[in-house]
Amino acid sequence: MKVLLALFMFIPLYSATSFITKEEYAASLYHNPRGIGCNLCHGEAGKGKHIASYKDKGVPKVFDGKPINTIPFPLFYERINSKIIGMPRYYLTDVEIQTLYYYLHREELRRAAVKSNRPK
């Protein structure tokens, strides 16, 4: 957790003169990174979402967006940059990927930051 916290404390997601907050930028990126939002398939909190039920050659099938809120950052990064059936390719920058991960873990990161700043 310390490594994750350190990673996000020093990433410049926005400048000091930005007109939106880090949270606003992260939310806008999650909801519309390149035309279709992550939330449409993975849900508001990244817990996954049912997308469709269908039949393929008479066999019932389901197409669900997988949970993305519980995977570690290296795996998250790898999967965003991989070809996955049903997943659009976004060609995101490293900062955009870090911002998306931050969006999914912002509460956890805030709690960790508060905890690490408490006197021991």
Protein backbone atom coordinates (compact mmCIF):
# COMPACT_ATOMS: atom_id res chain seq x y z
CA MET A 1 0.00 0.00 0.00
CA LYS A 2 2.89 2.38 0.74
CA VAL A 3 4.23 1.94 -2.78
CA LEU A 4 0.79 2.59 -4.25
CA LEU A 5 0.35 5.67 -2.09
CA ALA A 6 3.80 6.97 -3.02
CA LEU A 7 3.07 6.39 -6.70
CA PHE A 8 -0.05 8.55 -6.63
CA MET A 9 1.21 11.26 -4.29
CA PHE A 10 3.88 12.36 -6.74
CA ILE A 11 2.09 11.98 -10.07
CA PRO A 12 1.21 15.39 -11.46
CA LEU A 13 -2.37 14.70 -12.56
CA TYR A 14 -3.10 18.36 -12.94
CA SER A 15 -1.24 21.60 -12.47
CA ALA A 16 -1.71 24.03 -9.60
CA THR A 17 -3.41 26.40 -12.03
CA SER A 18 -5.84 23.78 -13.32
CA PHE A 19 -9.48 24.74 -13.53
CA ILE A 20 -10.64 21.27 -12.43
CA THR A 21 -9.67 19.15 -9.45
CA LYS A 22 -7.85 15.83 -9.62
CA GLU A 23 -11.14 14.09 -8.72
CA GLU A 24 -13.05 15.91 -11.49
CA TYR A 25 -10.40 15.00 -14.06
CA ALA A 26 -10.36 11.38 -12.91
CA ALA A 27 -14.17 11.15 -13.05
CA SER A 28 -14.34 12.69 -16.52
CA LEU A 29 -11.67 10.32 -17.78
CA TYR A 30 -13.45 7.28 -16.28
CA HIS A 31 -16.76 8.32 -17.83
CA ASN A 32 -15.39 9.21 -21.27
CA PRO A 33 -11.74 8.34 -21.97
CA ARG A 34 -12.08 8.11 -25.76
CA GLY A 35 -15.75 8.09 -26.68
CA ILE A 36 -17.10 5.28 -24.47
CA GLY A 37 -16.82 5.33 -20.70
CA CYS A 38 -15.36 2.63 -18.48
CA ASN A 39 -18.49 2.96 -16.34
CA LEU A 40 -20.70 1.54 -19.11
CA CYS A 41 -19.13 -1.91 -18.80
CA HIS A 42 -17.43 -1.87 -15.41
CA GLY A 43 -20.00 0.13 -13.43
CA GLU A 44 -19.61 3.31 -11.42
CA ALA A 45 -17.27 1.75 -8.88
CA GLY A 46 -15.48 -0.65 -11.23
CA LYS A 47 -17.19 -3.70 -9.71
CA GLY A 48 -18.24 -5.09 -13.10
CA LYS A 49 -21.58 -4.97 -14.85
CA HIS A 50 -23.86 -7.22 -16.87
CA ILE A 51 -23.88 -6.01 -20.46
CA ALA A 52 -25.86 -8.55 -22.47
CA SER A 53 -27.37 -12.01 -22.59
CA TYR A 54 -27.58 -13.73 -25.95
CA LYS A 55 -27.57 -17.08 -27.72
CA ASP A 56 -24.73 -18.34 -29.87
CA LYS A 57 -25.78 -21.33 -31.99
CA GLY A 58 -28.59 -21.95 -29.52
CA VAL A 59 -26.32 -21.85 -26.46
CA PRO A 60 -27.14 -19.14 -23.89
CA LYS A 61 -24.21 -16.79 -23.29
CA VAL A 62 -23.56 -13.70 -21.21
CA PHE A 63 -21.27 -10.78 -21.79
CA ASP A 64 -20.21 -9.05 -18.59
CA GLY A 65 -17.76 -6.27 -17.87
CA LYS A 66 -15.23 -7.65 -15.41
CA PRO A 67 -14.45 -6.06 -12.03
CA ILE A 68 -11.49 -3.71 -12.30
CA ASN A 69 -11.51 -2.20 -8.82
CA THR A 70 -9.69 -5.05 -7.08
CA ILE A 71 -6.77 -5.73 -9.38
CA PRO A 72 -3.30 -4.39 -8.56
CA PHE A 73 -1.93 -1.51 -10.61
CA PRO A 74 0.59 -3.54 -12.69
CA LEU A 75 -2.18 -5.89 -13.85
CA PHE A 76 -4.57 -2.95 -14.43
CA TYR A 77 -1.92 -1.24 -16.56
CA GLU A 78 -1.21 -4.42 -18.52
CA ARG A 79 -4.88 -5.13 -19.24
CA ILE A 80 -5.64 -1.60 -20.43
CA ASN A 81 -2.80 -1.95 -22.92
CA SER A 82 -3.81 -5.46 -24.06
CA LYS A 83 -6.17 -6.66 -26.75
CA ILE A 84 -9.12 -8.08 -24.84
CA ILE A 85 -12.25 -9.26 -26.67
CA GLY A 86 -15.02 -6.73 -26.14
CA MET A 87 -12.73 -4.09 -24.67
CA PRO A 88 -12.09 -0.98 -26.77
CA ARG A 89 -8.48 0.08 -27.28
CA TYR A 90 -8.07 3.54 -25.84
CA TYR A 91 -4.35 4.18 -26.36
CA LEU A 92 -4.14 6.02 -23.05
CA THR A 93 -1.07 7.76 -21.76
CA ASP A 94 0.62 6.52 -18.58
CA VAL A 95 -0.79 9.50 -16.66
CA GLU A 96 -4.31 8.73 -17.93
CA ILE A 97 -4.00 5.10 -16.83
CA GLN A 98 -2.73 6.19 -13.41
CA THR A 99 -5.63 8.64 -13.20
CA LEU A 100 -8.16 5.91 -13.95
CA TYR A 101 -6.61 3.71 -11.28
CA TYR A 102 -6.69 6.63 -8.88
CA TYR A 103 -10.41 7.11 -9.63
CA LEU A 104 -11.15 3.51 -8.65
CA HIS A 105 -9.02 3.68 -5.47
CA ARG A 106 -9.37 7.33 -4.41
CA GLU A 107 -11.15 6.60 -1.11
CA GLU A 108 -8.65 3.90 -0.19
CA LEU A 109 -5.76 6.22 -1.07
CA ARG A 110 -7.24 9.07 0.98
CA ARG A 111 -7.63 6.81 4.02
CA ALA A 112 -4.05 5.59 3.62
CA ALA A 113 -2.76 9.17 3.32
CA VAL A 114 -4.60 10.24 6.47
CA LYS A 115 -3.37 7.18 8.33
CA SER A 116 0.25 7.78 7.26
CA ASN A 117 0.10 11.41 8.41
CA ARG A 118 -1.07 10.52 11.94
CA PRO A 119 1.50 10.88 14.69
CA LYS A 120 2.83 7.56 15.85
